[in-house]
PDB file of all heavy atoms in Angstrom:
ATOM      1  N   LEU A   1     146.469  -1.848 209.513  1.00  0.00           N
ATOM      2  CA  LEU A   1     145.754  -1.520 208.274  1.00  0.00           C
ATOM      3  C   LEU A   1     146.171  -0.162 207.712  1.00  0.00           C
ATOM      4  O   LEU A   1     146.223   0.026 206.509  1.00  0.00           O
ATOM      5  CB  LEU A   1     144.238  -1.507 208.520  1.00  0.00           C
ATOM      6  CG  LEU A   1     143.587  -2.879 208.769  1.00  0.00           C
ATOM      7  CD1 LEU A   1     142.121  -2.702 209.097  1.00  0.00           C
ATOM      8  CD2 LEU A   1     143.758  -3.783 207.556  1.00  0.00           C
ATOM      9  N   ILE A   2     146.493   0.746 208.604  1.00  0.00           N
ATOM     10  CA  ILE A   2     146.893   2.107 208.190  1.00  0.00           C
ATOM     11  C   ILE A   2     148.369   2.145 207.814  1.00  0.00           C
ATOM     12  O   ILE A   2     148.739   2.691 206.776  1.00  0.00           O
ATOM     13  CB  ILE A   2     146.632   3.107 209.338  1.00  0.00           C
ATOM     14  CG1 ILE A   2     145.131   3.154 209.629  1.00  0.00           C
ATOM     15  CG2 ILE A   2     147.170   4.485 208.993  1.00  0.00           C
ATOM     16  CD1 ILE A   2     144.780   3.874 210.935  1.00  0.00           C
ATOM     17  N   HIS A   3     149.222   1.554 208.637  1.00  0.00           N
ATOM     18  CA  HIS A   3     150.667   1.709 208.493  1.00  0.00           C
ATOM     19  C   HIS A   3     151.366   0.474 207.955  1.00  0.00           C
ATOM     20  O   HIS A   3     152.591   0.498 207.760  1.00  0.00           O
ATOM     21  CB  HIS A   3     151.277   2.078 209.837  1.00  0.00           C
ATOM     22  CG  HIS A   3     150.694   3.314 210.453  1.00  0.00           C
ATOM     23  ND1 HIS A   3     150.865   4.564 209.931  1.00  0.00           N
ATOM     24  CD2 HIS A   3     149.869   3.467 211.541  1.00  0.00           C
ATOM     25  CE1 HIS A   3     150.215   5.458 210.644  1.00  0.00           C
ATOM     26  NE2 HIS A   3     149.589   4.803 211.640  1.00  0.00           N
ATOM     27  N   GLY A   4     150.649  -0.586 207.769  1.00  0.00           N
ATOM     28  CA  GLY A   4     151.265  -1.846 207.360  1.00  0.00           C
ATOM     29  C   GLY A   4     151.671  -2.631 208.581  1.00  0.00           C
ATOM     30  O   GLY A   4     152.120  -2.082 209.569  1.00  0.00           O
ATOM     31  N   GLY A   5     151.500  -3.888 208.519  1.00  0.00           N
ATOM     32  CA  GLY A   5     151.843  -4.779 209.643  1.00  0.00           C
ATOM     33  C   GLY A   5     151.030  -6.031 209.607  1.00  0.00           C
ATOM     34  O   GLY A   5     150.088  -6.176 208.806  1.00  0.00           O
ATOM     35  N   ARG A   6     151.403  -6.952 210.436  1.00  0.00           N
ATOM     36  CA  ARG A   6     150.740  -8.253 210.514  1.00  0.00           C
ATOM     37  C   ARG A   6     149.350  -8.105 211.131  1.00  0.00           C
ATOM     38  O   ARG A   6     149.136  -7.244 212.004  1.00  0.00           O
ATOM     39  CB  ARG A   6     151.584  -9.161 211.404  1.00  0.00           C
ATOM     40  CG  ARG A   6     150.985 -10.513 211.669  1.00  0.00           C
ATOM     41  CD  ARG A   6     151.595 -11.047 212.950  1.00  0.00           C
ATOM     42  NE  ARG A   6     151.259 -10.147 214.057  1.00  0.00           N
ATOM     43  CZ  ARG A   6     150.697 -10.539 215.177  1.00  0.00           C
ATOM     44  NH1 ARG A   6     150.456 -11.782 215.409  1.00  0.00           N
ATOM     45  NH2 ARG A   6     150.412  -9.673 216.125  1.00  0.00           N
ATOM     46  N   LEU A   7     148.403  -8.888 210.658  1.00  0.00           N
ATOM     47  CA  LEU A   7     147.052  -8.883 211.201  1.00  0.00           C
ATOM     48  C   LEU A   7     146.776 -10.221 211.879  1.00  0.00           C
ATOM     49  O   LEU A   7     147.151 -11.272 211.351  1.00  0.00           O
ATOM     50  CB  LEU A   7     146.019  -8.688 210.070  1.00  0.00           C
ATOM     51  CG  LEU A   7     146.101  -7.395 209.290  1.00  0.00           C
ATOM     52  CD1 LEU A   7     145.175  -7.442 208.075  1.00  0.00           C
ATOM     53  CD2 LEU A   7     145.756  -6.220 210.198  1.00  0.00           C
ATOM     54  N   LEU A   8     146.114 -10.195 213.016  1.00  0.00           N
ATOM     55  CA  LEU A   8     145.796 -11.416 213.766  1.00  0.00           C
ATOM     56  C   LEU A   8     144.333 -11.355 214.181  1.00  0.00           C
ATOM     57  O   LEU A   8     143.921 -10.414 214.854  1.00  0.00           O
ATOM     58  CB  LEU A   8     146.689 -11.523 215.001  1.00  0.00           C
ATOM     59  CG  LEU A   8     146.253 -12.594 216.020  1.00  0.00           C
ATOM     60  CD1 LEU A   8     146.499 -13.975 215.466  1.00  0.00           C
ATOM     61  CD2 LEU A   8     146.999 -12.397 217.339  1.00  0.00           C
ATOM     62  N   SER A   9     143.580 -12.353 213.771  1.00  0.00           N
ATOM     63  CA  SER A   9     142.211 -12.535 214.261  1.00  0.00           C
ATOM     64  C   SER A   9     142.140 -13.865 215.000  1.00  0.00           C
ATOM     65  O   SER A   9     142.910 -14.790 214.702  1.00  0.00           O
ATOM     66  CB  SER A   9     141.230 -12.594 213.104  1.00  0.00           C
ATOM     67  OG  SER A   9     141.156 -11.334 212.457  1.00  0.00           O
ATOM     68  N   SER A  10     141.223 -13.945 215.959  1.00  0.00           N
ATOM     69  CA  SER A  10     141.059 -15.158 216.738  1.00  0.00           C
ATOM     70  C   SER A  10     139.559 -15.488 216.797  1.00  0.00           C
ATOM     71  O   SER A  10     138.756 -14.646 217.175  1.00  0.00           O
ATOM     72  CB  SER A  10     141.595 -14.951 218.144  1.00  0.00           C
ATOM     73  OG  SER A  10     141.381 -16.080 218.949  1.00  0.00           O
ATOM     74  N   TYR A  11     139.223 -16.747 216.439  1.00  0.00           N
ATOM     75  CA  TYR A  11     137.848 -17.135 216.426  1.00  0.00           C
ATOM     76  C   TYR A  11     137.708 -18.461 217.193  1.00  0.00           C
ATOM     77  O   TYR A  11     138.487 -19.381 216.984  1.00  0.00           O
ATOM     78  CB  TYR A  11     137.322 -17.342 214.989  1.00  0.00           C
ATOM     79  CG  TYR A  11     137.522 -16.095 214.166  1.00  0.00           C
ATOM     80  CD1 TYR A  11     138.553 -16.022 213.232  1.00  0.00           C
ATOM     81  CD2 TYR A  11     136.714 -14.978 214.324  1.00  0.00           C
ATOM     82  CE1 TYR A  11     138.771 -14.896 212.464  1.00  0.00           C
ATOM     83  CE2 TYR A  11     136.918 -13.849 213.557  1.00  0.00           C
ATOM     84  CZ  TYR A  11     137.930 -13.799 212.639  1.00  0.00           C
ATOM     85  OH  TYR A  11     138.145 -12.654 211.919  1.00  0.00           O
ATOM     86  N   THR A  12     136.702 -18.499 218.062  1.00  0.00           N
ATOM     87  CA  THR A  12     136.404 -19.719 218.834  1.00  0.00           C
ATOM     88  C   THR A  12     135.304 -20.473 218.074  1.00  0.00           C
ATOM     89  O   THR A  12     134.217 -19.931 217.867  1.00  0.00           O
ATOM     90  CB  THR A  12     135.975 -19.378 220.262  1.00  0.00           C
ATOM     91  OG1 THR A  12     137.003 -18.580 220.835  1.00  0.00           O
ATOM     92  CG2 THR A  12     135.760 -20.626 221.079  1.00  0.00           C
ATOM     93  N   LEU A  13     135.607 -21.690 217.661  1.00  0.00           N
ATOM     94  CA  LEU A  13     134.697 -22.455 216.841  1.00  0.00           C
ATOM     95  C   LEU A  13     133.498 -22.980 217.639  1.00  0.00           C
ATOM     96  O   LEU A  13     132.391 -23.126 217.112  1.00  0.00           O
ATOM     97  CB  LEU A  13     135.424 -23.606 216.165  1.00  0.00           C
ATOM     98  CG  LEU A  13     136.632 -23.215 215.321  1.00  0.00           C
ATOM     99  CD1 LEU A  13     137.333 -24.469 214.784  1.00  0.00           C
ATOM    100  CD2 LEU A  13     136.214 -22.293 214.191  1.00  0.00           C
ATOM    101  N   VAL A  14     133.725 -23.298 218.923  1.00  0.00           N
ATOM    102  CA  VAL A  14     132.675 -23.759 219.817  1.00  0.00           C
ATOM    103  C   VAL A  14     132.621 -22.791 220.989  1.00  0.00           C
ATOM    104  O   VAL A  14     133.598 -22.721 221.769  1.00  0.00           O
ATOM    105  CB  VAL A  14     132.959 -25.197 220.323  1.00  0.00           C
ATOM    106  CG1 VAL A  14     131.866 -25.649 221.282  1.00  0.00           C
ATOM    107  CG2 VAL A  14     133.081 -26.173 219.164  1.00  0.00           C
ATOM    108  N   PRO A  15     131.544 -22.029 221.133  1.00  0.00           N
ATOM    109  CA  PRO A  15     131.478 -21.051 222.211  1.00  0.00           C
ATOM    110  C   PRO A  15     131.807 -21.652 223.582  1.00  0.00           C
ATOM    111  O   PRO A  15     131.318 -22.764 223.911  1.00  0.00           O
ATOM    112  CB  PRO A  15     130.034 -20.571 222.161  1.00  0.00           C
ATOM    113  CG  PRO A  15     129.604 -20.782 220.736  1.00  0.00           C
ATOM    114  CD  PRO A  15     130.351 -22.051 220.315  1.00  0.00           C
ATOM    115  N   GLY A  16     132.684 -20.997 224.303  1.00  0.00           N
ATOM    116  CA  GLY A  16     133.082 -21.467 225.635  1.00  0.00           C
ATOM    117  C   GLY A  16     134.195 -22.488 225.658  1.00  0.00           C
ATOM    118  O   GLY A  16     134.704 -22.823 226.703  1.00  0.00           O
ATOM    119  N   ASN A  17     134.591 -22.984 224.476  1.00  0.00           N
ATOM    120  CA  ASN A  17     135.657 -24.002 224.396  1.00  0.00           C
ATOM    121  C   ASN A  17     136.926 -23.345 223.803  1.00  0.00           C
ATOM    122  O   ASN A  17     137.091 -23.268 222.603  1.00  0.00           O
ATOM    123  CB  ASN A  17     135.190 -25.151 223.521  1.00  0.00           C
ATOM    124  CG  ASN A  17     136.247 -26.248 223.371  1.00  0.00           C
ATOM    125  OD1 ASN A  17     137.384 -26.104 223.776  1.00  0.00           O
ATOM    126  ND2 ASN A  17     135.833 -27.356 222.802  1.00  0.00           N
ATOM    127  N   LEU A  18     137.807 -22.890 224.711  1.00  0.00           N
ATOM    128  CA  LEU A  18     139.020 -22.223 224.229  1.00  0.00           C
ATOM    129  C   LEU A  18     139.934 -23.136 223.448  1.00  0.00           C
ATOM    130  O   LEU A  18     140.755 -22.677 222.666  1.00  0.00           O
ATOM    131  CB  LEU A  18     139.771 -21.597 225.412  1.00  0.00           C
ATOM    132  CG  LEU A  18     139.047 -20.502 226.174  1.00  0.00           C
ATOM    133  CD1 LEU A  18     139.903 -19.973 227.309  1.00  0.00           C
ATOM    134  CD2 LEU A  18     138.621 -19.388 225.242  1.00  0.00           C
ATOM    135  N   GLY A  19     139.769 -24.440 223.608  1.00  0.00           N
ATOM    136  CA  GLY A  19     140.537 -25.395 222.805  1.00  0.00           C
ATOM    137  C   GLY A  19     140.113 -25.458 221.375  1.00  0.00           C
ATOM    138  O   GLY A  19     140.766 -26.095 220.553  1.00  0.00           O
ATOM    139  N   SER A  20     139.018 -24.775 221.040  1.00  0.00           N
ATOM    140  CA  SER A  20     138.535 -24.780 219.654  1.00  0.00           C
ATOM    141  C   SER A  20     138.881 -23.458 218.943  1.00  0.00           C
ATOM    142  O   SER A  20     138.272 -23.114 217.934  1.00  0.00           O
ATOM    143  CB  SER A  20     137.026 -25.011 219.608  1.00  0.00           C
ATOM    144  OG  SER A  20     136.317 -23.879 220.124  1.00  0.00           O
ATOM    145  N   ARG A  21     139.848 -22.765 219.480  1.00  0.00           N
ATOM    146  CA  ARG A  21     140.215 -21.436 218.928  1.00  0.00           C
ATOM    147  C   ARG A  21     141.162 -21.624 217.734  1.00  0.00           C
ATOM    148  O   ARG A  21     142.114 -22.397 217.785  1.00  0.00           O
ATOM    149  CB  ARG A  21     140.870 -20.608 220.008  1.00  0.00           C
ATOM    150  CG  ARG A  21     141.158 -19.187 219.552  1.00  0.00           C
ATOM    151  CD  ARG A  21     141.560 -18.336 220.697  1.00  0.00           C
ATOM    152  NE  ARG A  21     140.369 -18.067 221.498  1.00  0.00           N
ATOM    153  CZ  ARG A  21     140.382 -17.499 222.674  1.00  0.00           C
ATOM    154  NH1 ARG A  21     141.511 -17.135 223.236  1.00  0.00           N
ATOM    155  NH2 ARG A  21     139.257 -17.267 223.317  1.00  0.00           N
ATOM    156  N   VAL A  22     140.889 -20.882 216.672  1.00  0.00           N
ATOM    157  CA  VAL A  22     141.763 -20.833 215.515  1.00  0.00           C
ATOM    158  C   VAL A  22     142.128 -19.376 215.257  1.00  0.00           C
ATOM    159  O   VAL A  22     141.303 -18.485 215.435  1.00  0.00           O
ATOM    160  CB  VAL A  22     141.090 -21.502 214.261  1.00  0.00           C
ATOM    161  CG1 VAL A  22     139.858 -20.737 213.812  1.00  0.00           C
ATOM    162  CG2 VAL A  22     142.083 -21.635 213.124  1.00  0.00           C
ATOM    163  N   TRP A  23     143.363 -19.160 214.871  1.00  0.00           N
ATOM    164  CA  TRP A  23     143.823 -17.821 214.511  1.00  0.00           C
ATOM    165  C   TRP A  23     143.930 -17.714 213.003  1.00  0.00           C
ATOM    166  O   TRP A  23     144.306 -18.687 212.333  1.00  0.00           O
ATOM    167  CB  TRP A  23     145.198 -17.542 215.111  1.00  0.00           C
ATOM    168  CG  TRP A  23     145.226 -17.278 216.571  1.00  0.00           C
ATOM    169  CD1 TRP A  23     144.164 -17.168 217.443  1.00  0.00           C
ATOM    170  CD2 TRP A  23     146.383 -17.095 217.383  1.00  0.00           C
ATOM    171  NE1 TRP A  23     144.593 -16.924 218.704  1.00  0.00           N
ATOM    172  CE2 TRP A  23     145.958 -16.865 218.698  1.00  0.00           C
ATOM    173  CE3 TRP A  23     147.731 -17.089 217.083  1.00  0.00           C
ATOM    174  CZ2 TRP A  23     146.850 -16.638 219.718  1.00  0.00           C
ATOM    175  CZ3 TRP A  23     148.633 -16.875 218.124  1.00  0.00           C
ATOM    176  CH2 TRP A  23     148.197 -16.628 219.438  1.00  0.00           C
ATOM    177  N   LEU A  24     143.666 -16.522 212.494  1.00  0.00           N
ATOM    178  CA  LEU A  24     143.982 -16.185 211.114  1.00  0.00           C
ATOM    179  C   LEU A  24     145.033 -15.085 211.151  1.00  0.00           C
ATOM    180  O   LEU A  24     144.834 -14.054 211.821  1.00  0.00           O
ATOM    181  CB  LEU A  24     142.745 -15.680 210.370  1.00  0.00           C
ATOM    182  CG  LEU A  24     141.638 -16.723 210.206  1.00  0.00           C
ATOM    183  CD1 LEU A  24     140.432 -16.123 209.473  1.00  0.00           C
ATOM    184  CD2 LEU A  24     142.117 -17.955 209.464  1.00  0.00           C
ATOM    185  N   VAL A  25     146.143 -15.317 210.492  1.00  0.00           N
ATOM    186  CA  VAL A  25     147.281 -14.396 210.525  1.00  0.00           C
ATOM    187  C   VAL A  25     147.615 -13.987 209.104  1.00  0.00           C
ATOM    188  O   VAL A  25     147.922 -14.858 208.272  1.00  0.00           O
ATOM    189  CB  VAL A  25     148.519 -15.045 211.186  1.00  0.00           C
ATOM    190  CG1 VAL A  25     149.688 -14.048 211.196  1.00  0.00           C
ATOM    191  CG2 VAL A  25     148.185 -15.523 212.598  1.00  0.00           C
ATOM    192  N   SER A  26     147.511 -12.699 208.818  1.00  0.00           N
ATOM    193  CA  SER A  26     147.908 -12.166 207.514  1.00  0.00           C
ATOM    194  C   SER A  26     149.291 -11.545 207.644  1.00  0.00           C
ATOM    195  O   SER A  26     149.560 -10.749 208.564  1.00  0.00           O
ATOM    196  CB  SER A  26     146.918 -11.093 206.999  1.00  0.00           C
ATOM    197  OG  SER A  26     145.691 -11.695 206.682  1.00  0.00           O
ATOM    198  N   GLU A  27     150.160 -11.922 206.736  1.00  0.00           N
ATOM    199  CA  GLU A  27     151.525 -11.407 206.750  1.00  0.00           C
ATOM    200  C   GLU A  27     151.533  -9.920 206.515  1.00  0.00           C
ATOM    201  O   GLU A  27     150.630  -9.330 205.893  1.00  0.00           O
ATOM    202  CB  GLU A  27     152.377 -12.103 205.667  1.00  0.00           C
ATOM    203  CG  GLU A  27     152.502 -13.594 205.869  1.00  0.00           C
ATOM    204  CD  GLU A  27     153.163 -14.000 207.186  1.00  0.00           C
ATOM    205  OE1 GLU A  27     154.065 -13.275 207.639  1.00  0.00           O
ATOM    206  OE2 GLU A  27     152.757 -15.009 207.760  1.00  0.00           O
ATOM    207  N   GLN A  28     152.595  -9.263 206.977  1.00  0.00           N
ATOM    208  CA  GLN A  28     152.735  -7.823 206.837  1.00  0.00           C
ATOM    209  C   GLN A  28     152.572  -7.362 205.389  1.00  0.00           C
ATOM    210  O   GLN A  28     151.916  -6.361 205.141  1.00  0.00           O
ATOM    211  CB  GLN A  28     154.095  -7.383 207.378  1.00  0.00           C
ATOM    212  CG  GLN A  28     154.329  -5.891 207.280  1.00  0.00           C
ATOM    213  CD  GLN A  28     155.612  -5.472 207.953  1.00  0.00           C
ATOM    214  OE1 GLN A  28     156.329  -6.269 208.545  1.00  0.00           O
ATOM    215  NE2 GLN A  28     155.943  -4.208 207.827  1.00  0.00           N
ATOM    216  N   ASN A  29     153.130  -8.112 204.431  1.00  0.00           N
ATOM    217  CA  ASN A  29     153.045  -7.717 203.048  1.00  0.00           C
ATOM    218  C   ASN A  29     151.803  -8.256 202.352  1.00  0.00           C
ATOM    219  O   ASN A  29     151.627  -8.107 201.146  1.00  0.00           O
ATOM    220  CB  ASN A  29     154.314  -8.162 202.289  1.00  0.00           C
ATOM    221  CG  ASN A  29     154.468  -9.657 202.228  1.00  0.00           C
ATOM    222  OD1 ASN A  29     153.613 -10.424 202.695  1.00  0.00           O
ATOM    223  ND2 ASN A  29     155.578 -10.098 201.670  1.00  0.00           N
ATOM    224  N   ARG A  30     150.926  -8.909 203.130  1.00  0.00           N
ATOM    225  CA  ARG A  30     149.666  -9.471 202.660  1.00  0.00           C
ATOM    226  C   ARG A  30     149.850 -10.531 201.581  1.00  0.00           C
ATOM    227  O   ARG A  30     148.992 -10.826 200.802  1.00  0.00           O
ATOM    228  CB  ARG A  30     148.690  -8.404 202.154  1.00  0.00           C
ATOM    229  CG  ARG A  30     148.440  -7.253 203.100  1.00  0.00           C
ATOM    230  CD  ARG A  30     147.793  -7.711 204.408  1.00  0.00           C
ATOM    231  NE  ARG A  30     147.427  -6.567 205.222  1.00  0.00           N
ATOM    232  CZ  ARG A  30     148.152  -6.148 206.245  1.00  0.00           C
ATOM    233  NH1 ARG A  30     149.237  -6.769 206.604  1.00  0.00           N
ATOM    234  NH2 ARG A  30     147.779  -5.095 206.956  1.00  0.00           N
ATOM    235  N   SER A  31     151.006 -11.183 201.598  1.00  0.00           N
ATOM    236  CA  SER A  31     151.271 -12.251 200.629  1.00  0.00           C
ATOM    237  C   SER A  31     150.571 -13.558 200.989  1.00  0.00           C
ATOM    238  O   SER A  31     150.340 -14.395 200.102  1.00  0.00           O
ATOM    239  CB  SER A  31     152.793 -12.526 200.543  1.00  0.00           C
ATOM    240  OG  SER A  31     153.287 -12.962 201.784  1.00  0.00           O
ATOM    241  N   ALA A  32     150.209 -13.713 202.273  1.00  0.00           N
ATOM    242  CA  ALA A  32     149.562 -14.954 202.698  1.00  0.00           C
ATOM    243  C   ALA A  32     148.775 -14.691 203.966  1.00  0.00           C
ATOM    244  O   ALA A  32     149.091 -13.819 204.771  1.00  0.00           O
ATOM    245  CB  ALA A  32     150.581 -16.044 202.945  1.00  0.00           C
ATOM    246  N   THR A  33     147.721 -15.479 204.122  1.00  0.00           N
ATOM    247  CA  THR A  33     146.958 -15.530 205.351  1.00  0.00           C
ATOM    248  C   THR A  33     146.909 -17.001 205.777  1.00  0.00           C
ATOM    249  O   THR A  33     146.554 -17.854 204.977  1.00  0.00           O
ATOM    250  CB  THR A  33     145.544 -14.961 205.181  1.00  0.00           C
ATOM    251  OG1 THR A  33     145.642 -13.568 204.855  1.00  0.00           O
ATOM    252  CG2 THR A  33     144.709 -15.107 206.456  1.00  0.00           C
ATOM    253  N   THR A  34     147.257 -17.260 207.016  1.00  0.00           N
ATOM    254  CA  THR A  34     147.395 -18.617 207.526  1.00  0.00           C
ATOM    255  C   THR A  34     146.390 -18.879 208.634  1.00  0.00           C
ATOM    256  O   THR A  34     146.262 -18.087 209.552  1.00  0.00           O
ATOM    257  CB  THR A  34     148.804 -18.839 208.076  1.00  0.00           C
ATOM    258  OG1 THR A  34     149.760 -18.554 207.062  1.00  0.00           O
ATOM    259  CG2 THR A  34     148.986 -20.268 208.554  1.00  0.00           C
ATOM    260  N   ALA A  35     145.652 -19.982 208.520  1.00  0.00           N
ATOM    261  CA  ALA A  35     144.861 -20.497 209.623  1.00  0.00           C
ATOM    262  C   ALA A  35     145.776 -21.350 210.474  1.00  0.00           C
ATOM    263  O   ALA A  35     146.461 -22.254 209.948  1.00  0.00           O
ATOM    264  CB  ALA A  35     143.690 -21.304 209.123  1.00  0.00           C
ATOM    265  N   ILE A  36     145.836 -21.058 211.761  1.00  0.00           N
ATOM    266  CA  ILE A  36     146.813 -21.718 212.639  1.00  0.00           C
ATOM    267  C   ILE A  36     146.196 -21.817 214.036  1.00  0.00           C
ATOM    268  O   ILE A  36     145.430 -20.949 214.465  1.00  0.00           O
ATOM    269  CB  ILE A  36     148.135 -20.902 212.646  1.00  0.00           C
ATOM    270  CG1 ILE A  36     149.228 -21.616 213.433  1.00  0.00           C
ATOM    271  CG2 ILE A  36     147.924 -19.484 213.141  1.00  0.00           C
ATOM    272  CD1 ILE A  36     150.596 -20.989 213.260  1.00  0.00           C
ATOM    273  N   MET A  37     146.554 -22.870 214.752  1.00  0.00           N
ATOM    274  CA  MET A  37     146.163 -22.983 216.139  1.00  0.00           C
ATOM    275  C   MET A  37     147.121 -22.113 216.988  1.00  0.00           C
ATOM    276  O   MET A  37     148.305 -22.010 216.663  1.00  0.00           O
ATOM    277  CB  MET A  37     146.263 -24.442 216.596  1.00  0.00           C
ATOM    278  CG  MET A  37     145.248 -25.347 215.948  1.00  0.00           C
ATOM    279  SD  MET A  37     145.419 -27.048 216.498  1.00  0.00           S
ATOM    280  CE  MET A  37     145.102 -26.875 218.262  1.00  0.00           C
ATOM    281  N   PRO A  38     146.625 -21.487 218.040  1.00  0.00           N
ATOM    282  CA  PRO A  38     147.504 -20.676 218.878  1.00  0.00           C
ATOM    283  C   PRO A  38     148.724 -21.431 219.362  1.00  0.00           C
ATOM    284  O   PRO A  38     149.826 -20.859 219.409  1.00  0.00           O
ATOM    285  CB  PRO A  38     146.587 -20.268 220.064  1.00  0.00           C
ATOM    286  CG  PRO A  38     145.232 -20.307 219.496  1.00  0.00           C
ATOM    287  CD  PRO A  38     145.230 -21.428 218.506  1.00  0.00           C
ATOM    288  N   SER A  39     148.594 -22.715 219.644  1.00  0.00           N
ATOM    289  CA  SER A  39     149.723 -23.496 220.141  1.00  0.00           C
ATOM    290  C   SER A  39     150.807 -23.715 219.079  1.00  0.00           C
ATOM    291  O   SER A  39     151.914 -24.089 219.393  1.00  0.00           O
ATOM    292  CB  SER A  39     149.248 -24.843 220.676  1.00  0.00           C
ATOM    293  OG  SER A  39     148.641 -25.598 219.638  1.00  0.00           O
ATOM    294  N   GLU A  40     150.462 -23.483 217.809  1.00  0.00           N
ATOM    295  CA  GLU A  40     151.423 -23.671 216.735  1.00  0.00           C
ATOM    296  C   GLU A  40     152.170 -22.386 216.385  1.00  0.00           C
ATOM    297  O   GLU A  40     153.082 -22.408 215.584  1.00  0.00           O
ATOM    298  CB  GLU A  40     150.696 -24.145 215.468  1.00  0.00           C
ATOM    299  CG  GLU A  40     150.060 -25.493 215.590  1.00  0.00           C
ATOM    300  CD  GLU A  40     149.349 -25.889 214.325  1.00  0.00           C
ATOM    301  OE1 GLU A  40     148.391 -25.145 213.917  1.00  0.00           O
ATOM    302  OE2 GLU A  40     149.709 -26.925 213.718  1.00  0.00           O
TER     303      GLU A  40
END
């Protein structure tokens, strides 16, 4: 946030179920934010 760079958040949709985790990834230039599964 200070110096520029990619952002990664991770949210578990069902508590305790790691298979329900989704990541949100914002590109370094903030041109896009992608919802993606960790396995992808």
